[in-house]
Amino acid sequence: MPHLTIPAPMTGLAPMTDPAPMTDPETACSPVRALIERGQAGMTTAEYAVGTVSACSFAGLLFKLLSSSFGQNLLEGIFSKITDLLPF
């Protein structure tokens, strides 16, 4: 007879705060409520992914803008105004 192994429990999921609402017929709740009560432990990866994509998109936009002739003129104008304000 082959040896059967039991898979390890899923990690990264927070336990439900109160399992009673799922078993009590008077306060039976929907699956959405069960997910809300479970917590948001798995959301961090998605939030990091969205933040990374946003930061890279913004960096690409800035690079494209500042490497154009408009961006070069803008930077030159800003730096010339700053040097005019300096007392030396």
Protein backbone atom coordinates (compact mmCIF):
# COMPACT_ATOMS: atom_id res chain seq x y z
CA MET A 1 0.00 0.00 0.00
CA PRO A 2 1.49 3.40 -0.98
CA HIS A 3 2.18 5.97 1.67
CA LEU A 4 -0.29 8.86 1.50
CA THR A 5 0.78 12.34 2.48
CA ILE A 6 -1.47 15.12 3.61
CA PRO A 7 -0.75 18.43 1.87
CA ALA A 8 0.42 21.31 4.01
CA PRO A 9 -2.18 23.93 4.86
CA MET A 10 -2.31 27.04 2.72
CA THR A 11 -0.12 29.84 3.97
CA GLY A 12 -0.76 33.55 3.69
CA LEU A 13 -4.43 33.38 4.67
CA ALA A 14 -5.48 34.88 7.94
CA PRO A 15 -7.86 32.76 9.98
CA MET A 16 -11.44 33.87 10.21
CA THR A 17 -12.06 36.03 13.23
CA ASP A 18 -15.32 34.35 14.18
CA PRO A 19 -16.37 31.09 12.51
CA ALA A 20 -19.76 31.18 14.25
CA PRO A 21 -21.53 33.32 11.59
CA MET A 22 -20.88 30.60 9.02
CA THR A 23 -22.39 27.84 11.17
CA ASP A 24 -25.24 29.68 12.88
CA PRO A 25 -28.32 29.44 10.62
CA GLU A 26 -29.78 32.66 12.02
CA THR A 27 -26.74 34.71 11.07
CA ALA A 28 -25.64 32.81 7.98
CA CYS A 29 -23.50 35.07 5.83
CA SER A 30 -22.45 35.16 2.22
CA PRO A 31 -19.06 34.06 0.90
CA VAL A 32 -18.17 37.73 0.42
CA ARG A 33 -18.66 38.41 4.10
CA ALA A 34 -16.54 35.37 4.93
CA LEU A 35 -13.71 36.80 2.82
CA ILE A 36 -14.04 40.18 4.50
CA GLU A 37 -13.83 38.60 7.92
CA ARG A 38 -10.84 36.51 6.91
CA GLY A 39 -8.61 39.56 6.48
CA GLN A 40 -6.46 40.96 3.71
CA ALA A 41 -3.21 39.05 4.13
CA GLY A 42 -3.07 38.13 0.44
CA MET A 43 -3.54 41.66 -0.84
CA THR A 44 0.02 42.83 -0.26
CA THR A 45 1.42 41.16 -3.39
CA ALA A 46 -1.22 42.74 -5.62
CA GLU A 47 -0.66 46.15 -4.05
CA TYR A 48 3.10 45.90 -4.60
CA ALA A 49 2.52 44.89 -8.22
CA VAL A 50 0.22 47.85 -8.89
CA GLY A 51 2.64 50.22 -7.15
CA THR A 52 5.59 48.91 -9.16
CA VAL A 53 3.77 49.25 -12.47
CA SER A 54 2.65 52.77 -11.55
CA ALA A 55 6.16 53.86 -10.55
CA CYS A 56 7.71 52.43 -13.72
CA SER A 57 5.07 54.08 -15.88
CA PHE A 58 5.62 57.44 -14.20
CA ALA A 59 9.41 57.10 -14.57
CA GLY A 60 9.01 56.31 -18.29
CA LEU A 61 6.75 59.30 -18.76
CA LEU A 62 9.21 61.61 -17.00
CA PHE A 63 12.11 60.26 -19.04
CA LYS A 64 10.24 60.77 -22.30
CA LEU A 65 9.18 64.29 -21.31
CA LEU A 66 12.56 65.46 -20.00
CA SER A 67 14.57 63.96 -22.86
CA SER A 68 12.51 65.85 -25.47
CA SER A 69 13.40 69.34 -26.68
CA PHE A 70 10.55 70.79 -24.60
CA GLY A 71 11.92 69.11 -21.47
CA GLN A 72 15.46 70.27 -22.20
CA ASN A 73 14.28 73.87 -22.61
CA LEU A 74 12.21 73.59 -19.45
CA LEU A 75 15.17 72.32 -17.39
CA GLU A 76 17.52 74.96 -18.84
CA GLY A 77 15.00 77.69 -17.97
CA ILE A 78 14.57 76.42 -14.42
CA PHE A 79 18.31 76.16 -13.80
CA SER A 80 19.02 79.58 -15.29
CA LYS A 81 16.40 81.15 -12.99
CA ILE A 82 17.91 79.35 -9.99
CA THR A 83 21.44 80.52 -10.83
CA ASP A 84 20.14 84.09 -11.23
CA LEU A 85 18.74 83.94 -7.70
CA LEU A 86 22.00 82.79 -6.13
CA PRO A 87 24.06 85.60 -4.52
CA PHE A 88 27.42 84.45 -5.88
